[in-house]
Amino acid sequence: MGELKAGYVAIVGRPNVGKSTLLNRLIGEKISIVSRKAQTTRHKITGILTRPDAQFIFVDTPGFQTRHTGALNRAMNRGVTEALAGVDVVVLVIEAGSFDAKDQAVIRLLPKDRPVVLAINKVDRLKDKMTLLPMLASFPEAFPFAAIVPVSAAKGTQVEDLLAEVKKHLPHGEILFGEDEITDRSERFLAAEYIREKLFRWLGDELPYAATVNIEQFEQDGALRRISAAIVVDRPAHKGIVIGKGGQTLKRIATEARQDMERLFAGKVFLEVFVQVKSGWSDDERLLKSLGYE
């Protein structure tokens, strides 16, 4: 075994290319929410993978927004640029067979002074893998990537190869987090993310981006956690959508989120979820900061 390596790795890319799925695959736990809808990741998430010879500290970023200019999207884009400024290696994720102007916009933001590894994700969806060849040949002209690795985050295909390429560029040094830590995010934060994931899962088409989650109370008593969470919506009409007929939609969201929390926290969770209307929350800088959007 060689000298120990440890460092920060940013995972970047346009919305909905599978960055969060890749992070969860690398860590082995669901610490970043996943949805078919773009823009589900709104915060930087740090996931930690510790091996005998290396510690990878992954920063999952929001998909860079090129079309929208509201306060929420400005906060998300700041998250991307800040992540790029403070890491040792960058992993750019694109979708196999779907390289376009949005990807090129992200490439223009890539740092020139640190290694960038290109991960071509969702190769399992390609019917003809030979279609990758011209794509692979064109990338050295787009950017001087340190390596190019086709992967499937969903299936785990060649994820170890991706790790091996990233490890080559990590600095030598002692590990920065405990061996058993998988994220630097608090349980309070993860609880909010699990609820938000269920919102996207059950109401993604009806309530695209007009909702967030604020944890108002988080208490731990031994292995039991008591959590009170507000789903914050933009309009009174959205409140009825979240609650659903006879309260069934809200009950389903709360039940599934609680089950996920109990698996991750390894203990019982008493979860209370209610809905609040805060008009214009996604364009209110002060409110966004209070909800954890820096």
C-alpha atoms as a PDB file:
ATOM      1  CA  MET A   1       0.000   0.000   0.000  1.00  0.00           C
ATOM      2  CA  GLY A   2       1.368   3.447  -0.947  1.00  0.00           C
ATOM      3  CA  GLU A   3       1.306   6.633   1.063  1.00  0.00           C
ATOM      4  CA  LEU A   4      -2.131   7.753   2.268  1.00  0.00           C
ATOM      5  CA  LYS A   5      -4.024  10.254   0.127  1.00  0.00           C
ATOM      6  CA  ALA A   6      -6.950  12.501   1.038  1.00  0.00           C
ATOM      7  CA  GLY A   7      -8.690  15.371  -0.696  1.00  0.00           C
ATOM      8  CA  TYR A   8     -11.835  17.134  -1.874  1.00  0.00           C
ATOM      9  CA  VAL A   9     -13.578  16.188  -5.117  1.00  0.00           C
ATOM     10  CA  ALA A  10     -16.330  18.318  -6.703  1.00  0.00           C
ATOM     11  CA  ILE A  11     -18.993  16.542  -8.756  1.00  0.00           C
ATOM     12  CA  VAL A  12     -20.397  19.015 -11.298  1.00  0.00           C
ATOM     13  CA  GLY A  13     -22.597  18.996 -14.381  1.00  0.00           C
ATOM     14  CA  ARG A  14     -25.798  20.347 -15.839  1.00  0.00           C
ATOM     15  CA  PRO A  15     -29.082  19.388 -14.147  1.00  0.00           C
ATOM     16  CA  ASN A  16     -30.310  15.798 -14.235  1.00  0.00           C
ATOM     17  CA  VAL A  17     -27.187  14.016 -15.500  1.00  0.00           C
ATOM     18  CA  GLY A  18     -27.033  11.726 -12.451  1.00  0.00           C
ATOM     19  CA  LYS A  19     -24.643  13.538 -10.087  1.00  0.00           C
ATOM     20  CA  SER A  20     -26.573  12.625  -6.947  1.00  0.00           C
ATOM     21  CA  THR A  21     -26.989   9.003  -8.052  1.00  0.00           C
ATOM     22  CA  LEU A  22     -23.233   8.842  -8.614  1.00  0.00           C
ATOM     23  CA  LEU A  23     -22.477  10.316  -5.191  1.00  0.00           C
ATOM     24  CA  ASN A  24     -24.796   7.833  -3.474  1.00  0.00           C
ATOM     25  CA  ARG A  25     -23.200   4.962  -5.412  1.00  0.00           C
ATOM     26  CA  LEU A  26     -19.704   6.089  -4.402  1.00  0.00           C
ATOM     27  CA  ILE A  27     -20.595   6.457  -0.723  1.00  0.00           C
ATOM     28  CA  GLY A  28     -22.878   3.440  -0.486  1.00  0.00           C
ATOM     29  CA  GLU A  29     -25.649   5.379   1.290  1.00  0.00           C
ATOM     30  CA  LYS A  30     -28.423   7.705   0.120  1.00  0.00           C
ATOM     31  CA  ILE A  31     -27.171  11.076   1.364  1.00  0.00           C
ATOM     32  CA  SER A  32     -28.200  13.081  -1.733  1.00  0.00           C
ATOM     33  CA  ILE A  33     -31.770  12.995  -2.960  1.00  0.00           C
ATOM     34  CA  VAL A  34     -32.569  11.546  -6.355  1.00  0.00           C
ATOM     35  CA  SER A  35     -35.417  12.388  -8.716  1.00  0.00           C
ATOM     36  CA  ARG A  36     -36.181  12.247 -12.420  1.00  0.00           C
ATOM     37  CA  LYS A  37     -36.897  15.975 -12.176  1.00  0.00           C
ATOM     38  CA  ALA A  38     -34.028  18.380 -12.805  1.00  0.00           C
ATOM     39  CA  GLN A  39     -32.908  20.757 -10.042  1.00  0.00           C
ATOM     40  CA  THR A  40     -33.659  18.452  -7.109  1.00  0.00           C
ATOM     41  CA  THR A  41     -30.221  19.046  -5.554  1.00  0.00           C
ATOM     42  CA  ARG A  42     -30.202  22.556  -4.107  1.00  0.00           C
ATOM     43  CA  HIS A  43     -27.314  22.365  -1.643  1.00  0.00           C
ATOM     44  CA  LYS A  44     -23.707  21.263  -1.681  1.00  0.00           C
ATOM     45  CA  ILE A  45     -23.567  17.806  -0.102  1.00  0.00           C
ATOM     46  CA  THR A  46     -20.350  16.365   1.219  1.00  0.00           C
ATOM     47  CA  GLY A  47     -20.060  12.590   1.037  1.00  0.00           C
ATOM     48  CA  ILE A  48     -17.056  10.817   2.493  1.00  0.00           C
ATOM     49  CA  LEU A  49     -15.558   7.563   1.235  1.00  0.00           C
ATOM     50  CA  THR A  50     -12.665   6.140   3.235  1.00  0.00           C
ATOM     51  CA  ARG A  51     -10.492   3.359   1.853  1.00  0.00           C
ATOM     52  CA  PRO A  52      -7.335   1.886   3.462  1.00  0.00           C
ATOM     53  CA  ASP A  53      -5.142   4.033   1.218  1.00  0.00           C
ATOM     54  CA  ALA A  54      -7.325   7.090   0.463  1.00  0.00           C
ATOM     55  CA  GLN A  55     -10.150   9.303   1.666  1.00  0.00           C
ATOM     56  CA  PHE A  56     -12.363  10.904  -0.977  1.00  0.00           C
ATOM     57  CA  ILE A  57     -14.443  13.878   0.204  1.00  0.00           C
ATOM     58  CA  PHE A  58     -17.076  14.424  -2.469  1.00  0.00           C
ATOM     59  CA  VAL A  59     -18.990  17.657  -2.927  1.00  0.00           C
ATOM     60  CA  ASP A  60     -22.213  17.154  -4.890  1.00  0.00           C
ATOM     61  CA  THR A  61     -23.336  20.456  -6.383  1.00  0.00           C
ATOM     62  CA  PRO A  62     -26.618  21.719  -7.810  1.00  0.00           C
ATOM     63  CA  GLY A  63     -26.901  21.489 -11.578  1.00  0.00           C
ATOM     64  CA  PHE A  64     -25.678  24.815 -12.945  1.00  0.00           C
ATOM     65  CA  GLN A  65     -28.627  26.988 -13.989  1.00  0.00           C
ATOM     66  CA  THR A  66     -28.198  28.899 -17.253  1.00  0.00           C
ATOM     67  CA  ARG A  67     -31.819  29.842 -17.953  1.00  0.00           C
ATOM     68  CA  HIS A  68     -33.250  31.041 -14.619  1.00  0.00           C
ATOM     69  CA  THR A  69     -32.076  34.077 -12.640  1.00  0.00           C
ATOM     70  CA  GLY A  70     -34.155  34.050  -9.424  1.00  0.00           C
ATOM     71  CA  ALA A  71     -32.601  34.239  -5.969  1.00  0.00           C
ATOM     72  CA  LEU A  72     -32.837  30.462  -5.492  1.00  0.00           C
ATOM     73  CA  ASN A  73     -30.996  29.766  -8.741  1.00  0.00           C
ATOM     74  CA  ARG A  74     -28.376  32.428  -7.994  1.00  0.00           C
ATOM     75  CA  ALA A  75     -27.755  30.724  -4.650  1.00  0.00           C
ATOM     76  CA  MET A  76     -27.451  27.350  -6.387  1.00  0.00           C
ATOM     77  CA  ASN A  77     -24.973  28.695  -8.941  1.00  0.00           C
ATOM     78  CA  ARG A  78     -22.873  30.236  -6.166  1.00  0.00           C
ATOM     79  CA  GLY A  79     -22.732  26.748  -4.696  1.00  0.00           C
ATOM     80  CA  VAL A  80     -21.222  25.402  -7.912  1.00  0.00           C
ATOM     81  CA  THR A  81     -18.556  28.080  -8.275  1.00  0.00           C
ATOM     82  CA  GLU A  82     -17.607  27.916  -4.565  1.00  0.00           C
ATOM     83  CA  ALA A  83     -17.271  24.133  -4.790  1.00  0.00           C
ATOM     84  CA  LEU A  84     -14.932  24.432  -7.764  1.00  0.00           C
ATOM     85  CA  ALA A  85     -12.766  26.968  -5.953  1.00  0.00           C
ATOM     86  CA  GLY A  86     -11.933  24.777  -2.971  1.00  0.00           C
ATOM     87  CA  VAL A  87     -11.309  21.251  -4.257  1.00  0.00           C
ATOM     88  CA  ASP A  88      -8.359  19.147  -5.374  1.00  0.00           C
ATOM     89  CA  VAL A  89     -10.082  17.298  -8.235  1.00  0.00           C
ATOM     90  CA  VAL A  90     -13.220  17.952 -10.302  1.00  0.00           C
ATOM     91  CA  VAL A  91     -15.461  15.242 -11.770  1.00  0.00           C
ATOM     92  CA  LEU A  92     -17.591  16.544 -14.630  1.00  0.00           C
ATOM     93  CA  VAL A  93     -20.628  14.334 -15.236  1.00  0.00           C
ATOM     94  CA  ILE A  94     -22.352  14.312 -18.612  1.00  0.00           C
ATOM     95  CA  GLU A  95     -24.994  11.982 -20.046  1.00  0.00           C
ATOM     96  CA  ALA A  96     -23.980   9.457 -22.700  1.00  0.00           C
ATOM     97  CA  GLY A  97     -25.386  10.427 -26.068  1.00  0.00           C
ATOM     98  CA  SER A  98     -26.640  13.797 -24.845  1.00  0.00           C
ATOM     99  CA  PHE A  99     -23.814  16.347 -24.950  1.00  0.00           C
ATOM    100  CA  ASP A 100     -25.180  19.822 -25.727  1.00  0.00           C
ATOM    101  CA  ALA A 101     -24.795  23.572 -25.140  1.00  0.00           C
ATOM    102  CA  LYS A 102     -25.717  23.221 -21.449  1.00  0.00           C
ATOM    103  CA  ASP A 103     -22.771  20.867 -20.929  1.00  0.00           C
ATOM    104  CA  GLN A 104     -20.510  23.247 -22.829  1.00  0.00           C
ATOM    105  CA  ALA A 105     -21.624  26.094 -20.534  1.00  0.00           C
ATOM    106  CA  VAL A 106     -20.445  24.061 -17.530  1.00  0.00           C
ATOM    107  CA  ILE A 107     -17.147  23.212 -19.273  1.00  0.00           C
ATOM    108  CA  ARG A 108     -16.457  26.930 -19.617  1.00  0.00           C
ATOM    109  CA  LEU A 109     -16.595  27.198 -15.808  1.00  0.00           C
ATOM    110  CA  LEU A 110     -14.108  24.398 -15.178  1.00  0.00           C
ATOM    111  CA  PRO A 111     -10.857  25.406 -13.477  1.00  0.00           C
ATOM    112  CA  LYS A 112      -7.730  25.246 -15.592  1.00  0.00           C
ATOM    113  CA  ASP A 113      -5.414  24.850 -12.598  1.00  0.00           C
ATOM    114  CA  ARG A 114      -6.592  21.462 -11.267  1.00  0.00           C
ATOM    115  CA  PRO A 115      -7.338  18.054 -12.782  1.00  0.00           C
ATOM    116  CA  VAL A 116     -10.789  17.398 -14.213  1.00  0.00           C
ATOM    117  CA  VAL A 117     -11.974  13.831 -14.780  1.00  0.00           C
ATOM    118  CA  LEU A 118     -14.865  13.380 -17.215  1.00  0.00           C
ATOM    119  CA  ALA A 119     -17.493  10.785 -16.222  1.00  0.00           C
ATOM    120  CA  ILE A 120     -19.817   9.840 -19.092  1.00  0.00           C
ATOM    121  CA  ASN A 121     -22.850   8.551 -17.183  1.00  0.00           C
ATOM    122  CA  LYS A 122     -25.827   6.361 -18.140  1.00  0.00           C
ATOM    123  CA  VAL A 123     -23.862   4.222 -20.598  1.00  0.00           C
ATOM    124  CA  ASP A 124     -26.176   1.344 -19.623  1.00  0.00           C
ATOM    125  CA  ARG A 125     -28.942   3.101 -21.574  1.00  0.00           C
ATOM    126  CA  LEU A 126     -27.027   3.060 -24.860  1.00  0.00           C
ATOM    127  CA  LYS A 127     -28.267   0.343 -27.195  1.00  0.00           C
ATOM    128  CA  ASP A 128     -25.098   0.557 -29.263  1.00  0.00           C
ATOM    129  CA  LYS A 129     -21.968   1.210 -27.193  1.00  0.00           C
ATOM    130  CA  MET A 130     -20.040   1.964 -30.401  1.00  0.00           C
ATOM    131  CA  THR A 131     -21.807   5.326 -30.530  1.00  0.00           C
ATOM    132  CA  LEU A 132     -19.541   6.365 -27.651  1.00  0.00           C
ATOM    133  CA  LEU A 133     -16.415   6.271 -29.818  1.00  0.00           C
ATOM    134  CA  PRO A 134     -16.900   9.508 -31.790  1.00  0.00           C
ATOM    135  CA  MET A 135     -18.022  11.179 -28.574  1.00  0.00           C
ATOM    136  CA  LEU A 136     -14.844  10.077 -26.783  1.00  0.00           C
ATOM    137  CA  ALA A 137     -12.696  11.250 -29.682  1.00  0.00           C
ATOM    138  CA  SER A 138     -14.173  14.768 -29.592  1.00  0.00           C
ATOM    139  CA  PHE A 139     -13.651  15.540 -25.914  1.00  0.00           C
ATOM    140  CA  PRO A 140      -9.892  16.288 -25.890  1.00  0.00           C
ATOM    141  CA  GLU A 141     -10.726  19.273 -28.122  1.00  0.00           C
ATOM    142  CA  ALA A 142     -13.377  20.517 -25.687  1.00  0.00           C
ATOM    143  CA  PHE A 143     -11.147  20.464 -22.588  1.00  0.00           C
ATOM    144  CA  PRO A 144      -7.837  18.899 -21.462  1.00  0.00           C
ATOM    145  CA  PHE A 145      -9.431  16.246 -19.248  1.00  0.00           C
ATOM    146  CA  ALA A 146      -7.103  14.282 -16.981  1.00  0.00           C
ATOM    147  CA  ALA A 147      -9.106  11.129 -17.797  1.00  0.00           C
ATOM    148  CA  ILE A 148     -12.385  10.077 -19.443  1.00  0.00           C
ATOM    149  CA  VAL A 149     -14.360   7.231 -17.853  1.00  0.00           C
ATOM    150  CA  PRO A 150     -17.720   5.871 -19.145  1.00  0.00           C
ATOM    151  CA  VAL A 151     -19.827   4.831 -16.128  1.00  0.00           C
ATOM    152  CA  SER A 152     -23.292   3.812 -15.033  1.00  0.00           C
ATOM    153  CA  ALA A 153     -24.020   5.310 -11.624  1.00  0.00           C
ATOM    154  CA  ALA A 154     -27.310   3.402 -11.473  1.00  0.00           C
ATOM    155  CA  LYS A 155     -25.673   0.018 -12.159  1.00  0.00           C
ATOM    156  CA  GLY A 156     -22.257   0.712 -10.608  1.00  0.00           C
ATOM    157  CA  THR A 157     -20.462   0.027 -13.890  1.00  0.00           C
ATOM    158  CA  GLN A 158     -16.818   1.237 -13.915  1.00  0.00           C
ATOM    159  CA  VAL A 159     -17.312   3.345 -10.790  1.00  0.00           C
ATOM    160  CA  GLU A 160     -14.155   1.764  -9.348  1.00  0.00           C
ATOM    161  CA  ASP A 161     -12.284   2.845 -12.490  1.00  0.00           C
ATOM    162  CA  LEU A 162     -13.514   6.388 -11.910  1.00  0.00           C
ATOM    163  CA  LEU A 163     -12.289   6.289  -8.301  1.00  0.00           C
ATOM    164  CA  ALA A 164      -8.891   5.036  -9.436  1.00  0.00           C
ATOM    165  CA  GLU A 165      -8.513   7.978 -11.824  1.00  0.00           C
ATOM    166  CA  VAL A 166      -9.572  10.474  -9.176  1.00  0.00           C
ATOM    167  CA  LYS A 167      -7.212   8.965  -6.611  1.00  0.00           C
ATOM    168  CA  LYS A 168      -4.217   9.592  -8.892  1.00  0.00           C
ATOM    169  CA  HIS A 169      -4.716  13.324  -8.374  1.00  0.00           C
ATOM    170  CA  LEU A 170      -5.489  13.465  -4.646  1.00  0.00           C
ATOM    171  CA  PRO A 171      -2.785  15.061  -2.493  1.00  0.00           C
ATOM    172  CA  HIS A 172      -0.795  12.953  -0.052  1.00  0.00           C
ATOM    173  CA  GLY A 173      -1.788  13.452   3.572  1.00  0.00           C
ATOM    174  CA  GLU A 174      -3.702  12.195   6.583  1.00  0.00           C
ATOM    175  CA  ILE A 175      -7.454  11.579   6.436  1.00  0.00           C
ATOM    176  CA  LEU A 176      -9.607  14.597   7.261  1.00  0.00           C
ATOM    177  CA  PHE A 177     -12.694  12.834   8.682  1.00  0.00           C
ATOM    178  CA  GLY A 178     -13.273   9.794  10.873  1.00  0.00           C
ATOM    179  CA  GLU A 179     -13.224   6.430   9.098  1.00  0.00           C
ATOM    180  CA  ASP A 180     -16.896   5.779   9.911  1.00  0.00           C
ATOM    181  CA  GLU A 181     -18.204   9.183   8.765  1.00  0.00           C
ATOM    182  CA  ILE A 182     -20.088   9.290   5.446  1.00  0.00           C
ATOM    183  CA  THR A 183     -21.161  12.959   5.366  1.00  0.00           C
ATOM    184  CA  ASP A 184     -20.512  16.252   7.125  1.00  0.00           C
ATOM    185  CA  ARG A 185     -24.182  17.154   6.871  1.00  0.00           C
ATOM    186  CA  SER A 186     -26.265  17.013  10.047  1.00  0.00           C
ATOM    187  CA  GLU A 187     -29.126  14.593  10.615  1.00  0.00           C
ATOM    188  CA  ARG A 188     -31.392  17.653  10.705  1.00  0.00           C
ATOM    189  CA  PHE A 189     -30.353  18.566   7.154  1.00  0.00           C
ATOM    190  CA  LEU A 190     -30.696  14.995   5.876  1.00  0.00           C
ATOM    191  CA  ALA A 191     -34.187  14.736   7.386  1.00  0.00           C
ATOM    192  CA  ALA A 192     -35.279  17.791   5.388  1.00  0.00           C
ATOM    193  CA  GLU A 193     -33.758  16.372   2.204  1.00  0.00           C
ATOM    194  CA  TYR A 194     -35.597  13.049   2.608  1.00  0.00           C
ATOM    195  CA  ILE A 195     -38.931  14.872   2.934  1.00  0.00           C
ATOM    196  CA  ARG A 196     -38.104  17.023  -0.093  1.00  0.00           C
ATOM    197  CA  GLU A 197     -37.287  13.915  -2.132  1.00  0.00           C
ATOM    198  CA  LYS A 198     -40.760  12.506  -1.435  1.00  0.00           C
ATOM    199  CA  LEU A 199     -42.294  15.823  -2.489  1.00  0.00           C
ATOM    200  CA  PHE A 200     -40.559  15.495  -5.852  1.00  0.00           C
ATOM    201  CA  ARG A 201     -41.489  11.837  -6.134  1.00  0.00           C
ATOM    202  CA  TRP A 202     -45.193  12.300  -5.536  1.00  0.00           C
ATOM    203  CA  LEU A 203     -45.823  15.867  -6.705  1.00  0.00           C
ATOM    204  CA  GLY A 204     -43.023  16.586  -9.172  1.00  0.00           C
ATOM    205  CA  ASP A 205     -45.402  17.382 -12.030  1.00  0.00           C
ATOM    206  CA  GLU A 206     -47.950  19.346  -9.990  1.00  0.00           C
ATOM    207  CA  LEU A 207     -45.520  21.227  -7.756  1.00  0.00           C
ATOM    208  CA  PRO A 208     -42.258  21.508  -9.728  1.00  0.00           C
ATOM    209  CA  TYR A 209     -40.037  23.834  -7.676  1.00  0.00           C
ATOM    210  CA  ALA A 210     -42.468  25.797  -5.526  1.00  0.00           C
ATOM    211  CA  ALA A 211     -41.751  23.944  -2.285  1.00  0.00           C
ATOM    212  CA  THR A 212     -38.981  23.453   0.252  1.00  0.00           C
ATOM    213  CA  VAL A 213     -38.686  21.921   3.728  1.00  0.00           C
ATOM    214  CA  ASN A 214     -37.782  23.610   7.013  1.00  0.00           C
ATOM    215  CA  ILE A 215     -37.050  21.478  10.105  1.00  0.00           C
ATOM    216  CA  GLU A 216     -38.585  23.394  12.981  1.00  0.00           C
ATOM    217  CA  GLN A 217     -37.759  20.913  15.755  1.00  0.00           C
ATOM    218  CA  PHE A 218     -35.238  18.079  15.972  1.00  0.00           C
ATOM    219  CA  GLU A 219     -34.797  16.365  19.333  1.00  0.00           C
ATOM    220  CA  GLN A 220     -32.999  13.128  20.108  1.00  0.00           C
ATOM    221  CA  ASP A 221     -33.841  10.966  23.123  1.00  0.00           C
ATOM    222  CA  GLY A 222     -31.585   7.922  23.024  1.00  0.00           C
ATOM    223  CA  ALA A 223     -32.269   6.142  19.738  1.00  0.00           C
ATOM    224  CA  LEU A 224     -35.581   8.005  19.272  1.00  0.00           C
ATOM    225  CA  ARG A 225     -35.720  11.199  17.215  1.00  0.00           C
ATOM    226  CA  ARG A 226     -38.655  13.600  17.358  1.00  0.00           C
ATOM    227  CA  ILE A 227     -38.816  15.757  14.254  1.00  0.00           C
ATOM    228  CA  SER A 228     -41.253  18.523  13.316  1.00  0.00           C
ATOM    229  CA  ALA A 229     -41.011  19.698   9.700  1.00  0.00           C
ATOM    230  CA  ALA A 230     -42.766  22.396   7.688  1.00  0.00           C
ATOM    231  CA  ILE A 231     -43.243  21.961   3.951  1.00  0.00           C
ATOM    232  CA  VAL A 232     -43.050  25.551   2.713  1.00  0.00           C
ATOM    233  CA  VAL A 233     -45.074  26.357  -0.426  1.00  0.00           C
ATOM    234  CA  ASP A 234     -45.463  29.517  -2.481  1.00  0.00           C
ATOM    235  CA  ARG A 235     -49.249  29.745  -2.884  1.00  0.00           C
ATOM    236  CA  PRO A 236     -52.371  28.753  -0.924  1.00  0.00           C
ATOM    237  CA  ALA A 237     -53.422  26.472  -3.811  1.00  0.00           C
ATOM    238  CA  HIS A 238     -50.171  24.523  -3.408  1.00  0.00           C
ATOM    239  CA  LYS A 239     -51.058  23.700   0.194  1.00  0.00           C
ATOM    240  CA  GLY A 240     -54.072  21.679  -0.899  1.00  0.00           C
ATOM    241  CA  ILE A 241     -51.963  19.826  -3.485  1.00  0.00           C
ATOM    242  CA  VAL A 242     -49.431  18.772  -0.834  1.00  0.00           C
ATOM    243  CA  ILE A 243     -52.076  17.708   1.657  1.00  0.00           C
ATOM    244  CA  GLY A 244     -54.139  15.805  -0.926  1.00  0.00           C
ATOM    245  CA  LYS A 245     -57.616  14.362  -0.628  1.00  0.00           C
ATOM    246  CA  GLY A 246     -58.310  13.473   2.983  1.00  0.00           C
ATOM    247  CA  GLY A 247     -54.661  14.228   3.823  1.00  0.00           C
ATOM    248  CA  GLN A 248     -53.472  11.122   1.973  1.00  0.00           C
ATOM    249  CA  THR A 249     -50.660  12.727  -0.040  1.00  0.00           C
ATOM    250  CA  LEU A 250     -49.075  14.394   2.994  1.00  0.00           C
ATOM    251  CA  LYS A 251     -49.413  11.153   4.959  1.00  0.00           C
ATOM    252  CA  ARG A 252     -47.671   9.185   2.178  1.00  0.00           C
ATOM    253  CA  ILE A 253     -44.828  11.730   1.983  1.00  0.00           C
ATOM    254  CA  ALA A 254     -44.331  11.677   5.758  1.00  0.00           C
ATOM    255  CA  THR A 255     -44.477   7.882   6.037  1.00  0.00           C
ATOM    256  CA  GLU A 256     -41.926   7.226   3.288  1.00  0.00           C
ATOM    257  CA  ALA A 257     -39.581   9.962   4.543  1.00  0.00           C
ATOM    258  CA  ARG A 258     -39.775   8.566   8.090  1.00  0.00           C
ATOM    259  CA  GLN A 259     -38.921   5.071   6.854  1.00  0.00           C
ATOM    260  CA  ASP A 260     -35.846   6.406   5.028  1.00  0.00           C
ATOM    261  CA  MET A 261     -34.747   8.330   8.118  1.00  0.00           C
ATOM    262  CA  GLU A 262     -35.089   5.269  10.339  1.00  0.00           C
ATOM    263  CA  ARG A 263     -32.884   3.265   7.992  1.00  0.00           C
ATOM    264  CA  LEU A 264     -30.161   5.919   7.871  1.00  0.00           C
ATOM    265  CA  PHE A 265     -30.313   6.945  11.552  1.00  0.00           C
ATOM    266  CA  ALA A 266     -30.673   3.334  12.764  1.00  0.00           C
ATOM    267  CA  GLY A 267     -33.406   4.279  15.236  1.00  0.00           C
ATOM    268  CA  LYS A 268     -37.094   5.107  15.578  1.00  0.00           C
ATOM    269  CA  VAL A 269     -38.352   8.454  14.287  1.00  0.00           C
ATOM    270  CA  PHE A 270     -41.493  10.306  15.362  1.00  0.00           C
ATOM    271  CA  LEU A 271     -42.160  12.655  12.446  1.00  0.00           C
ATOM    272  CA  GLU A 272     -44.709  15.464  12.300  1.00  0.00           C
ATOM    273  CA  VAL A 273     -45.097  17.178   8.923  1.00  0.00           C
ATOM    274  CA  PHE A 274     -47.312  20.172   8.156  1.00  0.00           C
ATOM    275  CA  VAL A 275     -47.629  22.733   5.344  1.00  0.00           C
ATOM    276  CA  GLN A 276     -46.923  26.491   5.472  1.00  0.00           C
ATOM    277  CA  VAL A 277     -47.584  29.139   2.813  1.00  0.00           C
ATOM    278  CA  LYS A 278     -44.766  31.689   2.386  1.00  0.00           C
ATOM    279  CA  SER A 279     -45.371  33.604  -0.805  1.00  0.00           C
ATOM    280  CA  GLY A 280     -42.253  34.333  -2.854  1.00  0.00           C
ATOM    281  CA  TRP A 281     -39.976  32.178  -0.705  1.00  0.00           C
ATOM    282  CA  SER A 282     -37.794  31.116  -3.669  1.00  0.00           C
ATOM    283  CA  ASP A 283     -36.932  34.751  -4.502  1.00  0.00           C
ATOM    284  CA  ASP A 284     -36.491  36.030  -0.938  1.00  0.00           C
ATOM    285  CA  GLU A 285     -32.756  36.113  -0.109  1.00  0.00           C
ATOM    286  CA  ARG A 286     -33.312  36.424   3.664  1.00  0.00           C
ATOM    287  CA  LEU A 287     -35.823  33.585   3.769  1.00  0.00           C
ATOM    288  CA  LEU A 288     -33.554  31.371   1.644  1.00  0.00           C
ATOM    289  CA  LYS A 289     -30.708  31.928   4.086  1.00  0.00           C
ATOM    290  CA  SER A 290     -32.975  30.981   7.006  1.00  0.00           C
ATOM    291  CA  LEU A 291     -33.818  27.751   5.132  1.00  0.00           C
ATOM    292  CA  GLY A 292     -30.140  26.925   4.667  1.00  0.00           C
ATOM    293  CA  TYR A 293     -29.516  28.223   1.150  1.00  0.00           C
ATOM    294  CA  GLU A 294     -26.224  30.089   1.309  1.00  0.00           C
END
